[in-house]
Amino acid sequence: MTQADTKEVCPTFQRFAVRTSKTMQDLSIKAEQTKQEVAEQIKEVSKNFDAFKRQ
């Protein structure tokens, strides 16, 4: 690989790395949101179950 080839590969790899980083960040945010939603749903089910047991 010549120095010219290296210069062509680096920007391509950098774009790949930036896209990958952005994708990982987006997935991390989505995972946190989903985790919070599931926690809320579990809390709601728990309340409903407790109310049902008291009847």
C-alpha atoms as a PDB file:
ATOM      1  CA  MET A   1       0.000   0.000   0.000  1.00  0.00           C
ATOM      2  CA  THR A   2       1.452   3.338  -0.997  1.00  0.00           C
ATOM      3  CA  GLN A   3       1.206   6.565   0.956  1.00  0.00           C
ATOM      4  CA  ALA A   4      -1.412   7.808  -1.536  1.00  0.00           C
ATOM      5  CA  ASP A   5      -3.505   4.685  -0.864  1.00  0.00           C
ATOM      6  CA  THR A   6      -3.275   5.334   2.878  1.00  0.00           C
ATOM      7  CA  LYS A   7      -4.584   8.878   2.422  1.00  0.00           C
ATOM      8  CA  GLU A   8      -7.585   7.531   0.504  1.00  0.00           C
ATOM      9  CA  VAL A   9      -8.337   4.833   3.077  1.00  0.00           C
ATOM     10  CA  CYS A  10      -8.115   7.091   6.131  1.00  0.00           C
ATOM     11  CA  PRO A  11     -11.010   9.437   5.230  1.00  0.00           C
ATOM     12  CA  THR A  12     -13.126   6.421   4.312  1.00  0.00           C
ATOM     13  CA  PHE A  13     -12.321   4.746   7.608  1.00  0.00           C
ATOM     14  CA  GLN A  14     -12.944   7.989   9.484  1.00  0.00           C
ATOM     15  CA  ARG A  15     -16.407   8.292   7.919  1.00  0.00           C
ATOM     16  CA  PHE A  16     -17.094   4.670   8.858  1.00  0.00           C
ATOM     17  CA  ALA A  17     -15.900   5.285  12.416  1.00  0.00           C
ATOM     18  CA  VAL A  18     -18.031   8.426  12.786  1.00  0.00           C
ATOM     19  CA  ARG A  19     -21.129   6.662  11.415  1.00  0.00           C
ATOM     20  CA  THR A  20     -20.511   3.677  13.681  1.00  0.00           C
ATOM     21  CA  SER A  21     -20.031   5.935  16.695  1.00  0.00           C
ATOM     22  CA  LYS A  22     -23.251   7.819  15.907  1.00  0.00           C
ATOM     23  CA  THR A  23     -25.143   4.557  15.469  1.00  0.00           C
ATOM     24  CA  MET A  24     -23.846   3.237  18.797  1.00  0.00           C
ATOM     25  CA  GLN A  25     -24.809   6.501  20.495  1.00  0.00           C
ATOM     26  CA  ASP A  26     -28.316   6.344  18.985  1.00  0.00           C
ATOM     27  CA  LEU A  27     -28.715   2.717  20.087  1.00  0.00           C
ATOM     28  CA  SER A  28     -27.548   3.586  23.590  1.00  0.00           C
ATOM     29  CA  ILE A  29     -30.121   6.392  23.853  1.00  0.00           C
ATOM     30  CA  LYS A  30     -32.871   4.116  22.507  1.00  0.00           C
ATOM     31  CA  ALA A  31     -31.899   1.375  24.974  1.00  0.00           C
ATOM     32  CA  GLU A  32     -32.102   3.809  27.896  1.00  0.00           C
ATOM     33  CA  GLN A  33     -35.530   5.032  26.759  1.00  0.00           C
ATOM     34  CA  THR A  34     -36.781   1.463  26.404  1.00  0.00           C
ATOM     35  CA  LYS A  35     -35.395   0.579  29.829  1.00  0.00           C
ATOM     36  CA  GLN A  36     -37.321   3.480  31.379  1.00  0.00           C
ATOM     37  CA  GLU A  37     -40.522   2.537  29.537  1.00  0.00           C
ATOM     38  CA  VAL A  38     -40.275  -1.076  30.711  1.00  0.00           C
ATOM     39  CA  ALA A  39     -39.633   0.070  34.296  1.00  0.00           C
ATOM     40  CA  GLU A  40     -42.780   2.223  34.141  1.00  0.00           C
ATOM     41  CA  GLN A  41     -44.812  -0.674  32.737  1.00  0.00           C
ATOM     42  CA  ILE A  42     -43.575  -2.994  35.487  1.00  0.00           C
ATOM     43  CA  LYS A  43     -44.456  -0.388  38.104  1.00  0.00           C
ATOM     44  CA  GLU A  44     -47.970  -0.063  36.629  1.00  0.00           C
ATOM     45  CA  VAL A  45     -48.492  -3.829  36.497  1.00  0.00           C
ATOM     46  CA  SER A  46     -47.305  -4.095  40.091  1.00  0.00           C
ATOM     47  CA  LYS A  47     -49.843  -1.454  41.192  1.00  0.00           C
ATOM     48  CA  ASN A  48     -52.634  -3.240  39.317  1.00  0.00           C
ATOM     49  CA  PHE A  49     -51.641  -6.590  40.793  1.00  0.00           C
ATOM     50  CA  ASP A  50     -51.600  -5.170  44.338  1.00  0.00           C
ATOM     51  CA  ALA A  51     -55.053  -3.632  43.808  1.00  0.00           C
ATOM     52  CA  PHE A  52     -56.348  -6.951  42.466  1.00  0.00           C
ATOM     53  CA  LYS A  53     -54.964  -8.858  45.488  1.00  0.00           C
ATOM     54  CA  ARG A  54     -56.764  -6.493  47.897  1.00  0.00           C
ATOM     55  CA  GLN A  55     -60.182  -7.264  46.379  1.00  0.00           C
END
